């Protein structure tokens, strides 16, 4: 069920009085002013408030329980702005997705959840698609109701509020162009990482400026090798030559001891496998490369997740990198890097 479904069901069984006492906020540890019980900024608060409008129960889910009103007030915290826009962006994507497109884009996630639904694979995937599509439609309907209530054409919208951001279609644009401050901070963190690498690898040249370099097209292997402190990039994926250090979504991964994961990513970058059309087959292309370069014996049971398993990684960072970065292209064992 979606959050809007829950509101509708409560209303149907005369449970409206339970809504005000239910808490959805993920930041209840914060001290909120007045009688507020919700921060109004986290993903759960955004989901709840829009769902209340989608179900027509916004008067029951009183705005006074929210510490912040992101609908009409400027969103000051970049993280909150990103959360709200990503939430709307995902809803739009769900509402437009065809069943085939949905499966292609989210095959890795579907393979994780469908075994627990209690249906055969085809019907389980169809059920998840319909749930997500219903959620997308409900979010858009809820936002239409929000706009009808607060978007008075006689007055300007407060700049930086969610309604203002939606009015300029910020959710449809490139977030790196819209949220300049967030981008600046990310680049500063990347540059700080570069400077640290320079200090480690070239202590006598700490004052040398080393720019972030972006790889465009296939690299010519006959050229002089890149200096070890160079950082190359493909979209959100940053890496040192040799792929021993990789950054993705501002997180650093040390792959010196994870040879299979390193070679897998290296092969997909070298072969320019960045979309479904250029995806590479695991058993026919990726694994032979990994085994040859890493001098590994052939395995009878080959799964790409095995490259990223690490028993000494309790936080499951490498499996998380695999799910975010490497995507299945259909169901025939081909994979590509989702770097954008």
C-alpha atoms as a PDB file:
ATOM      1  CA  UNK A   1       0.000   0.000   0.000  1.00  0.00           C
ATOM      2  CA  UNK A   2       1.072   3.583  -0.608  1.00  0.00           C
ATOM      3  CA  UNK A   3       0.847   6.253   2.078  1.00  0.00           C
ATOM      4  CA  UNK A   4      -2.201   7.701   0.319  1.00  0.00           C
ATOM      5  CA  UNK A   5      -3.785   4.235   0.368  1.00  0.00           C
ATOM      6  CA  UNK A   6      -3.277   4.135   4.141  1.00  0.00           C
ATOM      7  CA  UNK A   7      -4.988   7.507   4.586  1.00  0.00           C
ATOM      8  CA  UNK A   8      -7.902   6.400   2.409  1.00  0.00           C
ATOM      9  CA  UNK A   9      -8.304   3.119   4.302  1.00  0.00           C
ATOM     10  CA  UNK A  10      -8.298   4.891   7.676  1.00  0.00           C
ATOM     11  CA  UNK A  11     -10.985   7.237   6.422  1.00  0.00           C
ATOM     12  CA  UNK A  12     -13.032   4.306   5.091  1.00  0.00           C
ATOM     13  CA  UNK A  13     -13.033   2.492   8.447  1.00  0.00           C
ATOM     14  CA  UNK A  14     -13.786   5.668  10.417  1.00  0.00           C
ATOM     15  CA  UNK A  15     -10.245   5.933  11.705  1.00  0.00           C
ATOM     16  CA  UNK A  16      -9.696   9.625  10.974  1.00  0.00           C
ATOM     17  CA  UNK A  17      -9.141  10.315  14.645  1.00  0.00           C
ATOM     18  CA  UNK A  18      -6.040   8.090  14.576  1.00  0.00           C
ATOM     19  CA  UNK A  19      -4.235  10.210  11.986  1.00  0.00           C
ATOM     20  CA  UNK A  20      -3.226  13.093  14.242  1.00  0.00           C
ATOM     21  CA  UNK A  21      -1.719  10.719  16.820  1.00  0.00           C
ATOM     22  CA  UNK A  22       0.330   8.721  14.286  1.00  0.00           C
ATOM     23  CA  UNK A  23       3.964   9.767  13.838  1.00  0.00           C
ATOM     24  CA  UNK A  24       5.808   9.210  10.551  1.00  0.00           C
ATOM     25  CA  UNK A  25       8.817  11.532  10.999  1.00  0.00           C
ATOM     26  CA  UNK A  26      12.279   9.944  10.889  1.00  0.00           C
ATOM     27  CA  UNK A  27      13.769  12.722  13.018  1.00  0.00           C
ATOM     28  CA  UNK A  28      11.693  12.453  16.180  1.00  0.00           C
ATOM     29  CA  UNK A  29      14.940  12.701  18.158  1.00  0.00           C
ATOM     30  CA  UNK A  30      15.030  16.411  17.353  1.00  0.00           C
ATOM     31  CA  UNK A  31      13.526  18.968  19.690  1.00  0.00           C
ATOM     32  CA  UNK A  32      10.754  20.553  17.663  1.00  0.00           C
ATOM     33  CA  UNK A  33       9.199  23.923  18.526  1.00  0.00           C
ATOM     34  CA  UNK A  34       5.671  24.321  19.876  1.00  0.00           C
ATOM     35  CA  UNK A  35       3.269  21.443  19.335  1.00  0.00           C
ATOM     36  CA  UNK A  36       5.020  20.140  16.211  1.00  0.00           C
ATOM     37  CA  UNK A  37       5.464  16.376  16.078  1.00  0.00           C
ATOM     38  CA  UNK A  38       7.072  16.219  12.629  1.00  0.00           C
ATOM     39  CA  UNK A  39      10.111  18.019  11.205  1.00  0.00           C
ATOM     40  CA  UNK A  40       8.377  18.493   7.842  1.00  0.00           C
ATOM     41  CA  UNK A  41      11.655  18.046   5.950  1.00  0.00           C
ATOM     42  CA  UNK A  42      12.563  14.354   5.924  1.00  0.00           C
ATOM     43  CA  UNK A  43      11.438  11.922   3.231  1.00  0.00           C
ATOM     44  CA  UNK A  44       8.762  10.423   5.487  1.00  0.00           C
ATOM     45  CA  UNK A  45       7.269  13.855   6.260  1.00  0.00           C
ATOM     46  CA  UNK A  46       7.220  14.847   2.586  1.00  0.00           C
ATOM     47  CA  UNK A  47       5.554  11.534   1.710  1.00  0.00           C
ATOM     48  CA  UNK A  48       2.958  11.847   4.486  1.00  0.00           C
ATOM     49  CA  UNK A  49       1.987  15.448   3.806  1.00  0.00           C
ATOM     50  CA  UNK A  50       1.552  14.998   0.046  1.00  0.00           C
ATOM     51  CA  UNK A  51      -0.327  11.719   0.614  1.00  0.00           C
ATOM     52  CA  UNK A  52      -2.779  13.525   2.912  1.00  0.00           C
ATOM     53  CA  UNK A  53      -3.582  15.939   0.076  1.00  0.00           C
ATOM     54  CA  UNK A  54      -3.887  13.050  -2.389  1.00  0.00           C
ATOM     55  CA  UNK A  55      -6.446  11.410  -0.081  1.00  0.00           C
ATOM     56  CA  UNK A  56      -8.277  14.692   0.564  1.00  0.00           C
ATOM     57  CA  UNK A  57      -7.479  14.559   4.275  1.00  0.00           C
ATOM     58  CA  UNK A  58      -5.130  17.536   4.546  1.00  0.00           C
ATOM     59  CA  UNK A  59      -7.425  19.218   7.070  1.00  0.00           C
ATOM     60  CA  UNK A  60      -7.166  16.185   9.355  1.00  0.00           C
ATOM     61  CA  UNK A  61      -3.395  15.955   8.902  1.00  0.00           C
ATOM     62  CA  UNK A  62      -3.097  19.509  10.178  1.00  0.00           C
ATOM     63  CA  UNK A  63      -0.174  21.571   8.905  1.00  0.00           C
ATOM     64  CA  UNK A  64       0.478  22.639  12.500  1.00  0.00           C
ATOM     65  CA  UNK A  65       2.054  19.281  13.305  1.00  0.00           C
ATOM     66  CA  UNK A  66       4.934  20.092  10.918  1.00  0.00           C
ATOM     67  CA  UNK A  67       7.818  22.212  12.166  1.00  0.00           C
ATOM     68  CA  UNK A  68       8.695  23.404   8.647  1.00  0.00           C
ATOM     69  CA  UNK A  69       6.378  24.262   5.761  1.00  0.00           C
ATOM     70  CA  UNK A  70       8.336  23.395   2.652  1.00  0.00           C
ATOM     71  CA  UNK A  71       5.324  24.033   0.404  1.00  0.00           C
ATOM     72  CA  UNK A  72       5.219  27.807   0.849  1.00  0.00           C
ATOM     73  CA  UNK A  73       8.441  28.721   2.701  1.00  0.00           C
ATOM     74  CA  UNK A  74      11.961  28.824   1.321  1.00  0.00           C
ATOM     75  CA  UNK A  75      13.800  25.544   1.847  1.00  0.00           C
ATOM     76  CA  UNK A  76      17.060  26.618   3.438  1.00  0.00           C
ATOM     77  CA  UNK A  77      18.756  23.240   3.904  1.00  0.00           C
ATOM     78  CA  UNK A  78      20.190  21.766   0.654  1.00  0.00           C
ATOM     79  CA  UNK A  79      19.544  18.215   1.876  1.00  0.00           C
ATOM     80  CA  UNK A  80      15.831  18.985   2.349  1.00  0.00           C
ATOM     81  CA  UNK A  81      15.627  20.574  -1.091  1.00  0.00           C
ATOM     82  CA  UNK A  82      17.254  17.536  -2.663  1.00  0.00           C
ATOM     83  CA  UNK A  83      14.934  15.169  -0.762  1.00  0.00           C
ATOM     84  CA  UNK A  84      11.789  16.997  -1.894  1.00  0.00           C
ATOM     85  CA  UNK A  85      12.840  17.319  -5.540  1.00  0.00           C
ATOM     86  CA  UNK A  86      14.047  13.725  -5.753  1.00  0.00           C
ATOM     87  CA  UNK A  87      10.732  12.587  -4.260  1.00  0.00           C
ATOM     88  CA  UNK A  88       8.756  14.447  -6.936  1.00  0.00           C
ATOM     89  CA  UNK A  89      11.198  13.403  -9.666  1.00  0.00           C
ATOM     90  CA  UNK A  90      10.752   9.738  -8.710  1.00  0.00           C
ATOM     91  CA  UNK A  91       6.952  10.087  -8.694  1.00  0.00           C
ATOM     92  CA  UNK A  92       7.014  11.574 -12.192  1.00  0.00           C
ATOM     93  CA  UNK A  93       9.244   8.723 -13.354  1.00  0.00           C
ATOM     94  CA  UNK A  94       6.911   6.125 -11.839  1.00  0.00           C
ATOM     95  CA  UNK A  95       3.830   7.729 -13.380  1.00  0.00           C
ATOM     96  CA  UNK A  96       5.319   7.657 -16.897  1.00  0.00           C
ATOM     97  CA  UNK A  97       7.089   4.288 -16.792  1.00  0.00           C
ATOM     98  CA  UNK A  98       5.892   1.474 -19.035  1.00  0.00           C
ATOM     99  CA  UNK A  99       6.041  -2.027 -17.608  1.00  0.00           C
ATOM    100  CA  UNK A 100       9.025  -2.956 -19.798  1.00  0.00           C
ATOM    101  CA  UNK A 101      10.857   0.281 -19.050  1.00  0.00           C
ATOM    102  CA  UNK A 102      10.236  -0.121 -15.328  1.00  0.00           C
ATOM    103  CA  UNK A 103      11.739  -3.628 -15.343  1.00  0.00           C
ATOM    104  CA  UNK A 104      14.749  -2.551 -17.407  1.00  0.00           C
ATOM    105  CA  UNK A 105      15.565   0.413 -15.148  1.00  0.00           C
ATOM    106  CA  UNK A 106      15.086  -1.407 -11.840  1.00  0.00           C
ATOM    107  CA  UNK A 107      15.946  -5.043 -12.473  1.00  0.00           C
ATOM    108  CA  UNK A 108      18.476  -5.163  -9.621  1.00  0.00           C
ATOM    109  CA  UNK A 109      15.973  -3.835  -7.068  1.00  0.00           C
ATOM    110  CA  UNK A 110      13.191  -6.076  -8.383  1.00  0.00           C
ATOM    111  CA  UNK A 111      15.376  -9.158  -8.020  1.00  0.00           C
ATOM    112  CA  UNK A 112      15.777  -8.269  -4.332  1.00  0.00           C
ATOM    113  CA  UNK A 113      12.078  -7.837  -3.494  1.00  0.00           C
ATOM    114  CA  UNK A 114      10.056 -10.089  -5.800  1.00  0.00           C
ATOM    115  CA  UNK A 115      10.993 -13.375  -4.046  1.00  0.00           C
ATOM    116  CA  UNK A 116       9.188 -12.128  -0.921  1.00  0.00           C
ATOM    117  CA  UNK A 117       5.883 -11.095  -2.521  1.00  0.00           C
ATOM    118  CA  UNK A 118       4.368 -14.562  -2.672  1.00  0.00           C
ATOM    119  CA  UNK A 119       3.671 -14.580  -6.418  1.00  0.00           C
ATOM    120  CA  UNK A 120       5.437 -16.015  -9.425  1.00  0.00           C
ATOM    121  CA  UNK A 121       8.117 -13.721 -10.855  1.00  0.00           C
ATOM    122  CA  UNK A 122       6.037 -12.217 -13.677  1.00  0.00           C
ATOM    123  CA  UNK A 123       3.044 -11.394 -11.476  1.00  0.00           C
ATOM    124  CA  UNK A 124       5.294 -10.136  -8.673  1.00  0.00           C
ATOM    125  CA  UNK A 125       7.052  -7.701 -11.018  1.00  0.00           C
ATOM    126  CA  UNK A 126       3.680  -6.575 -12.382  1.00  0.00           C
ATOM    127  CA  UNK A 127       2.391  -5.970  -8.838  1.00  0.00           C
ATOM    128  CA  UNK A 128       5.422  -3.835  -7.935  1.00  0.00           C
ATOM    129  CA  UNK A 129       5.105  -1.833 -11.161  1.00  0.00           C
ATOM    130  CA  UNK A 130       1.420  -1.137 -10.544  1.00  0.00           C
ATOM    131  CA  UNK A 131       2.127  -0.117  -6.927  1.00  0.00           C
ATOM    132  CA  UNK A 132       4.832   2.337  -7.996  1.00  0.00           C
ATOM    133  CA  UNK A 133       2.714   3.705 -10.825  1.00  0.00           C
ATOM    134  CA  UNK A 134      -0.206   4.258  -8.427  1.00  0.00           C
ATOM    135  CA  UNK A 135       2.114   6.012  -6.001  1.00  0.00           C
ATOM    136  CA  UNK A 136       3.373   8.296  -8.785  1.00  0.00           C
ATOM    137  CA  UNK A 137      -0.164   9.231  -9.834  1.00  0.00           C
ATOM    138  CA  UNK A 138      -1.173   9.896  -6.221  1.00  0.00           C
ATOM    139  CA  UNK A 139       1.808  12.162  -5.603  1.00  0.00           C
ATOM    140  CA  UNK A 140       0.988  14.221  -8.693  1.00  0.00           C
ATOM    141  CA  UNK A 141      -2.670  14.443  -7.635  1.00  0.00           C
ATOM    142  CA  UNK A 142      -1.624  15.500  -4.132  1.00  0.00           C
ATOM    143  CA  UNK A 143       0.654  18.216  -5.496  1.00  0.00           C
ATOM    144  CA  UNK A 144      -2.172  19.474  -7.735  1.00  0.00           C
ATOM    145  CA  UNK A 145      -4.292  19.858  -4.591  1.00  0.00           C
ATOM    146  CA  UNK A 146      -1.427  21.683  -2.841  1.00  0.00           C
ATOM    147  CA  UNK A 147      -1.099  24.082  -5.764  1.00  0.00           C
ATOM    148  CA  UNK A 148      -4.835  24.771  -5.807  1.00  0.00           C
ATOM    149  CA  UNK A 149      -4.722  25.705  -2.135  1.00  0.00           C
ATOM    150  CA  UNK A 150      -1.540  27.791  -2.003  1.00  0.00           C
ATOM    151  CA  UNK A 151      -0.635  28.943  -5.530  1.00  0.00           C
ATOM    152  CA  UNK A 152      -2.643  32.172  -5.729  1.00  0.00           C
ATOM    153  CA  UNK A 153      -1.958  33.818  -9.091  1.00  0.00           C
ATOM    154  CA  UNK A 154      -2.381  37.243  -7.512  1.00  0.00           C
ATOM    155  CA  UNK A 155       0.765  36.818  -5.434  1.00  0.00           C
ATOM    156  CA  UNK A 156       4.302  35.610  -6.138  1.00  0.00           C
ATOM    157  CA  UNK A 157       5.502  32.319  -4.739  1.00  0.00           C
ATOM    158  CA  UNK A 158       8.292  32.525  -2.187  1.00  0.00           C
ATOM    159  CA  UNK A 159      11.534  31.839  -4.011  1.00  0.00           C
ATOM    160  CA  UNK A 160      13.068  28.518  -3.015  1.00  0.00           C
ATOM    161  CA  UNK A 161       9.838  27.017  -1.679  1.00  0.00           C
ATOM    162  CA  UNK A 162       8.739  23.672  -3.096  1.00  0.00           C
ATOM    163  CA  UNK A 163       5.878  25.309  -4.989  1.00  0.00           C
ATOM    164  CA  UNK A 164       8.308  27.792  -6.540  1.00  0.00           C
ATOM    165  CA  UNK A 165      10.756  25.032  -7.475  1.00  0.00           C
ATOM    166  CA  UNK A 166       7.956  23.034  -9.091  1.00  0.00           C
ATOM    167  CA  UNK A 167       6.712  26.123 -10.954  1.00  0.00           C
ATOM    168  CA  UNK A 168      10.111  26.441 -12.663  1.00  0.00           C
ATOM    169  CA  UNK A 169      10.145  22.659 -13.224  1.00  0.00           C
ATOM    170  CA  UNK A 170      13.227  22.134 -11.085  1.00  0.00           C
ATOM    171  CA  UNK A 171      12.231  18.483 -10.668  1.00  0.00           C
ATOM    172  CA  UNK A 172      12.571  17.945 -14.417  1.00  0.00           C
ATOM    173  CA  UNK A 173      16.007  19.499 -14.736  1.00  0.00           C
ATOM    174  CA  UNK A 174      19.542  18.466 -13.998  1.00  0.00           C
ATOM    175  CA  UNK A 175      19.913  18.736 -10.242  1.00  0.00           C
ATOM    176  CA  UNK A 176      23.547  19.789 -10.685  1.00  0.00           C
ATOM    177  CA  UNK A 177      22.350  22.938 -12.470  1.00  0.00           C
ATOM    178  CA  UNK A 178      19.510  23.666 -10.069  1.00  0.00           C
ATOM    179  CA  UNK A 179      21.174  23.136  -6.734  1.00  0.00           C
ATOM    180  CA  UNK A 180      24.361  25.098  -7.281  1.00  0.00           C
ATOM    181  CA  UNK A 181      25.380  25.170  -3.642  1.00  0.00           C
ATOM    182  CA  UNK A 182      25.133  21.405  -3.366  1.00  0.00           C
ATOM    183  CA  UNK A 183      27.270  21.006  -6.481  1.00  0.00           C
ATOM    184  CA  UNK A 184      29.868  23.468  -5.229  1.00  0.00           C
ATOM    185  CA  UNK A 185      30.172  21.574  -1.939  1.00  0.00           C
ATOM    186  CA  UNK A 186      30.520  18.243  -3.763  1.00  0.00           C
ATOM    187  CA  UNK A 187      33.277  19.606  -5.997  1.00  0.00           C
ATOM    188  CA  UNK A 188      35.047  21.022  -2.969  1.00  0.00           C
ATOM    189  CA  UNK A 189      34.990  17.580  -1.334  1.00  0.00           C
ATOM    190  CA  UNK A 190      36.369  16.002  -4.507  1.00  0.00           C
ATOM    191  CA  UNK A 191      39.118  18.618  -4.752  1.00  0.00           C
ATOM    192  CA  UNK A 192      39.974  18.039  -1.091  1.00  0.00           C
ATOM    193  CA  UNK A 193      40.320  14.325  -1.878  1.00  0.00           C
ATOM    194  CA  UNK A 194      42.630  15.148  -4.784  1.00  0.00           C
ATOM    195  CA  UNK A 195      44.781  17.351  -2.576  1.00  0.00           C
ATOM    196  CA  UNK A 196      45.013  14.579   0.014  1.00  0.00           C
ATOM    197  CA  UNK A 197      46.100  12.106  -2.664  1.00  0.00           C
ATOM    198  CA  UNK A 198      48.750  14.578  -3.809  1.00  0.00           C
ATOM    199  CA  UNK A 199      50.073  14.854  -0.277  1.00  0.00           C
ATOM    200  CA  UNK A 200      50.252  11.054   0.013  1.00  0.00           C
ATOM    201  CA  UNK A 201      51.747  10.323  -3.402  1.00  0.00           C
ATOM    202  CA  UNK A 202      53.847  13.403  -4.100  1.00  0.00           C
ATOM    203  CA  UNK A 203      54.826  15.066  -0.796  1.00  0.00           C
ATOM    204  CA  UNK A 204      57.245  17.485  -2.463  1.00  0.00           C
ATOM    205  CA  UNK A 205      54.614  18.906  -4.795  1.00  0.00           C
ATOM    206  CA  UNK A 206      51.716  19.702  -2.510  1.00  0.00           C
ATOM    207  CA  UNK A 207      51.404  23.173  -3.999  1.00  0.00           C
ATOM    208  CA  UNK A 208      50.894  21.872  -7.554  1.00  0.00           C
ATOM    209  CA  UNK A 209      47.346  22.403  -8.829  1.00  0.00           C
ATOM    210  CA  UNK A 210      45.912  19.163 -10.245  1.00  0.00           C
ATOM    211  CA  UNK A 211      42.557  19.728 -11.992  1.00  0.00           C
ATOM    212  CA  UNK A 212      39.744  17.204 -12.047  1.00  0.00           C
ATOM    213  CA  UNK A 213      39.926  15.629 -15.497  1.00  0.00           C
ATOM    214  CA  UNK A 214      36.906  14.265 -17.288  1.00  0.00           C
ATOM    215  CA  UNK A 215      37.304  11.334 -19.642  1.00  0.00           C
ATOM    216  CA  UNK A 216      35.679  11.982 -23.007  1.00  0.00           C
ATOM    217  CA  UNK A 217      35.475   9.016 -25.341  1.00  0.00           C
ATOM    218  CA  UNK A 218      37.702   5.978 -25.241  1.00  0.00           C
ATOM    219  CA  UNK A 219      41.209   6.723 -24.013  1.00  0.00           C
ATOM    220  CA  UNK A 220      44.132   6.086 -26.337  1.00  0.00           C
ATOM    221  CA  UNK A 221      46.227   3.420 -24.600  1.00  0.00           C
ATOM    222  CA  UNK A 222      49.304   4.495 -26.596  1.00  0.00           C
ATOM    223  CA  UNK A 223      49.449   7.824 -24.777  1.00  0.00           C
ATOM    224  CA  UNK A 224      51.703   8.487 -21.836  1.00  0.00           C
ATOM    225  CA  UNK A 225      50.116   6.925 -18.720  1.00  0.00           C
ATOM    226  CA  UNK A 226      48.222   9.312 -16.489  1.00  0.00           C
ATOM    227  CA  UNK A 227      50.085  10.464 -13.365  1.00  0.00           C
ATOM    228  CA  UNK A 228      48.972   8.452 -10.313  1.00  0.00           C
ATOM    229  CA  UNK A 229      47.365  11.506  -8.684  1.00  0.00           C
ATOM    230  CA  UNK A 230      45.102  12.211 -11.684  1.00  0.00           C
ATOM    231  CA  UNK A 231      41.363  11.818 -11.116  1.00  0.00           C
ATOM    232  CA  UNK A 232      39.277  10.814 -14.121  1.00  0.00           C
ATOM    233  CA  UNK A 233      35.497  10.803 -14.289  1.00  0.00           C
ATOM    234  CA  UNK A 234      32.481   9.368 -16.072  1.00  0.00           C
ATOM    235  CA  UNK A 235      29.363  11.172 -14.833  1.00  0.00           C
ATOM    236  CA  UNK A 236      29.145  10.650 -11.065  1.00  0.00           C
ATOM    237  CA  UNK A 237      31.923   8.027 -11.136  1.00  0.00           C
ATOM    238  CA  UNK A 238      35.399   9.326 -10.299  1.00  0.00           C
ATOM    239  CA  UNK A 239      38.470   7.101 -10.297  1.00  0.00           C
ATOM    240  CA  UNK A 240      42.249   7.034 -10.286  1.00  0.00           C
ATOM    241  CA  UNK A 241      44.075   5.274 -13.126  1.00  0.00           C
ATOM    242  CA  UNK A 242      44.070   1.621 -12.171  1.00  0.00           C
ATOM    243  CA  UNK A 243      40.733   1.962 -10.335  1.00  0.00           C
ATOM    244  CA  UNK A 244      42.261   1.306  -6.930  1.00  0.00           C
ATOM    245  CA  UNK A 245      40.432   4.397  -5.655  1.00  0.00           C
ATOM    246  CA  UNK A 246      36.867   4.998  -6.807  1.00  0.00           C
ATOM    247  CA  UNK A 247      34.383   7.684  -5.804  1.00  0.00           C
ATOM    248  CA  UNK A 248      30.652   7.450  -6.471  1.00  0.00           C
ATOM    249  CA  UNK A 249      27.911   9.713  -5.044  1.00  0.00           C
ATOM    250  CA  UNK A 250      30.615  11.475  -2.968  1.00  0.00           C
ATOM    251  CA  UNK A 251      31.612   8.190  -1.254  1.00  0.00           C
ATOM    252  CA  UNK A 252      35.141   6.781  -1.526  1.00  0.00           C
ATOM    253  CA  UNK A 253      35.827   3.090  -2.118  1.00  0.00           C
ATOM    254  CA  UNK A 254      39.289   1.565  -1.694  1.00  0.00           C
ATOM    255  CA  UNK A 255      39.449  -1.370  -4.144  1.00  0.00           C
ATOM    256  CA  UNK A 256      43.090  -2.347  -3.609  1.00  0.00           C
ATOM    257  CA  UNK A 257      42.070  -5.592  -1.921  1.00  0.00           C
ATOM    258  CA  UNK A 258      38.880  -6.050  -3.956  1.00  0.00           C
ATOM    259  CA  UNK A 259      40.458  -7.111  -7.255  1.00  0.00           C
ATOM    260  CA  UNK A 260      37.342  -8.615  -8.847  1.00  0.00           C
ATOM    261  CA  UNK A 261      35.227  -5.535  -8.119  1.00  0.00           C
ATOM    262  CA  UNK A 262      38.017  -3.263  -9.399  1.00  0.00           C
ATOM    263  CA  UNK A 263      38.508  -5.220 -12.626  1.00  0.00           C
ATOM    264  CA  UNK A 264      34.762  -5.442 -13.243  1.00  0.00           C
ATOM    265  CA  UNK A 265      34.368  -1.659 -13.057  1.00  0.00           C
ATOM    266  CA  UNK A 266      37.562  -1.144 -15.058  1.00  0.00           C
ATOM    267  CA  UNK A 267      36.351  -3.401 -17.870  1.00  0.00           C
ATOM    268  CA  UNK A 268      32.960  -1.686 -18.092  1.00  0.00           C
ATOM    269  CA  UNK A 269      34.616   1.742 -18.255  1.00  0.00           C
ATOM    270  CA  UNK A 270      37.202   0.647 -20.837  1.00  0.00           C
ATOM    271  CA  UNK A 271      34.505  -0.854 -23.067  1.00  0.00           C
ATOM    272  CA  UNK A 272      32.268   2.219 -22.646  1.00  0.00           C
ATOM    273  CA  UNK A 273      29.365   0.173 -21.255  1.00  0.00           C
ATOM    274  CA  UNK A 274      27.237   3.089 -20.068  1.00  0.00           C
ATOM    275  CA  UNK A 275      23.771   2.109 -21.304  1.00  0.00           C
ATOM    276  CA  UNK A 276      21.697  -0.939 -22.185  1.00  0.00           C
ATOM    277  CA  UNK A 277      22.804  -0.873 -25.824  1.00  0.00           C
ATOM    278  CA  UNK A 278      26.491  -1.127 -24.860  1.00  0.00           C
ATOM    279  CA  UNK A 279      26.026  -3.541 -21.932  1.00  0.00           C
ATOM    280  CA  UNK A 280      28.479  -6.427 -21.570  1.00  0.00           C
ATOM    281  CA  UNK A 281      27.677 -10.077 -20.927  1.00  0.00           C
ATOM    282  CA  UNK A 282      28.826 -11.390 -17.541  1.00  0.00           C
ATOM    283  CA  UNK A 283      29.911 -14.916 -18.425  1.00  0.00           C
ATOM    284  CA  UNK A 284      31.048 -14.229 -21.999  1.00  0.00           C
ATOM    285  CA  UNK A 285      32.850 -10.904 -21.604  1.00  0.00           C
ATOM    286  CA  UNK A 286      33.167  -9.528 -18.056  1.00  0.00           C
ATOM    287  CA  UNK A 287      34.204 -12.668 -16.184  1.00  0.00           C
ATOM    288  CA  UNK A 288      36.855 -13.789 -18.714  1.00  0.00           C
ATOM    289  CA  UNK A 289      38.441 -10.327 -18.421  1.00  0.00           C
ATOM    290  CA  UNK A 290      38.360 -10.443 -14.615  1.00  0.00           C
ATOM    291  CA  UNK A 291      39.798 -13.974 -14.471  1.00  0.00           C
ATOM    292  CA  UNK A 292      42.561 -13.246 -16.993  1.00  0.00           C
ATOM    293  CA  UNK A 293      43.682  -9.973 -15.421  1.00  0.00           C
ATOM    294  CA  UNK A 294      43.290 -11.203 -11.855  1.00  0.00           C
ATOM    295  CA  UNK A 295      44.598 -14.732 -12.490  1.00  0.00           C
ATOM    296  CA  UNK A 296      41.514 -16.315 -10.901  1.00  0.00           C
ATOM    297  CA  UNK A 297      40.342 -19.893 -11.543  1.00  0.00           C
ATOM    298  CA  UNK A 298      37.092 -20.331 -13.424  1.00  0.00           C
ATOM    299  CA  UNK A 299      34.018 -20.611 -11.218  1.00  0.00           C
ATOM    300  CA  UNK A 300      31.018 -22.804 -11.955  1.00  0.00           C
ATOM    301  CA  UNK A 301      28.574 -20.341 -10.403  1.00  0.00           C
ATOM    302  CA  UNK A 302      29.204 -16.814 -11.641  1.00  0.00           C
ATOM    303  CA  UNK A 303      27.194 -13.895 -10.313  1.00  0.00           C
ATOM    304  CA  UNK A 304      28.224 -10.265 -10.519  1.00  0.00           C
ATOM    305  CA  UNK A 305      27.290  -9.784  -6.854  1.00  0.00           C
ATOM    306  CA  UNK A 306      30.092 -12.200  -5.925  1.00  0.00           C
ATOM    307  CA  UNK A 307      32.654  -9.653  -7.126  1.00  0.00           C
ATOM    308  CA  UNK A 308      31.437  -7.210  -4.499  1.00  0.00           C
ATOM    309  CA  UNK A 309      30.951  -9.515  -1.496  1.00  0.00           C
ATOM    310  CA  UNK A 310      33.175  -8.658   1.454  1.00  0.00           C
ATOM    311  CA  UNK A 311      32.816 -10.563   4.752  1.00  0.00           C
ATOM    312  CA  UNK A 312      34.830  -7.828   6.480  1.00  0.00           C
ATOM    313  CA  UNK A 313      32.418  -5.104   5.376  1.00  0.00           C
ATOM    314  CA  UNK A 314      29.592  -5.072   7.985  1.00  0.00           C
ATOM    315  CA  UNK A 315      28.041  -1.938   6.471  1.00  0.00           C
ATOM    316  CA  UNK A 316      27.738  -3.646   3.062  1.00  0.00           C
ATOM    317  CA  UNK A 317      29.291  -0.653   1.288  1.00  0.00           C
ATOM    318  CA  UNK A 318      30.573  -2.631  -1.694  1.00  0.00           C
ATOM    319  CA  UNK A 319      27.260  -4.436  -2.319  1.00  0.00           C
ATOM    320  CA  UNK A 320      25.648  -1.011  -2.093  1.00  0.00           C
ATOM    321  CA  UNK A 321      28.055   0.337  -4.709  1.00  0.00           C
ATOM    322  CA  UNK A 322      27.197  -2.593  -6.974  1.00  0.00           C
ATOM    323  CA  UNK A 323      23.459  -1.922  -6.756  1.00  0.00           C
ATOM    324  CA  UNK A 324      23.842   1.799  -7.419  1.00  0.00           C
ATOM    325  CA  UNK A 325      26.514   1.682 -10.108  1.00  0.00           C
ATOM    326  CA  UNK A 326      26.104  -1.571 -12.065  1.00  0.00           C
ATOM    327  CA  UNK A 327      22.738  -2.211 -13.684  1.00  0.00           C
ATOM    328  CA  UNK A 328      21.375  -5.248 -15.481  1.00  0.00           C
ATOM    329  CA  UNK A 329      20.254  -4.693 -19.076  1.00  0.00           C
ATOM    330  CA  UNK A 330      17.239  -6.971 -19.215  1.00  0.00           C
ATOM    331  CA  UNK A 331      17.431 -10.565 -18.051  1.00  0.00           C
ATOM    332  CA  UNK A 332      20.073 -12.053 -20.323  1.00  0.00           C
ATOM    333  CA  UNK A 333      23.091 -11.501 -18.076  1.00  0.00           C
ATOM    334  CA  UNK A 334      24.356  -8.215 -19.538  1.00  0.00           C
ATOM    335  CA  UNK A 335      25.390  -5.256 -17.348  1.00  0.00           C
ATOM    336  CA  UNK A 336      26.382  -1.604 -17.699  1.00  0.00           C
ATOM    337  CA  UNK A 337      27.483   1.305 -15.508  1.00  0.00           C
ATOM    338  CA  UNK A 338      24.810   3.808 -14.511  1.00  0.00           C
ATOM    339  CA  UNK A 339      27.039   6.828 -13.986  1.00  0.00           C
ATOM    340  CA  UNK A 340      24.485   9.638 -14.397  1.00  0.00           C
END
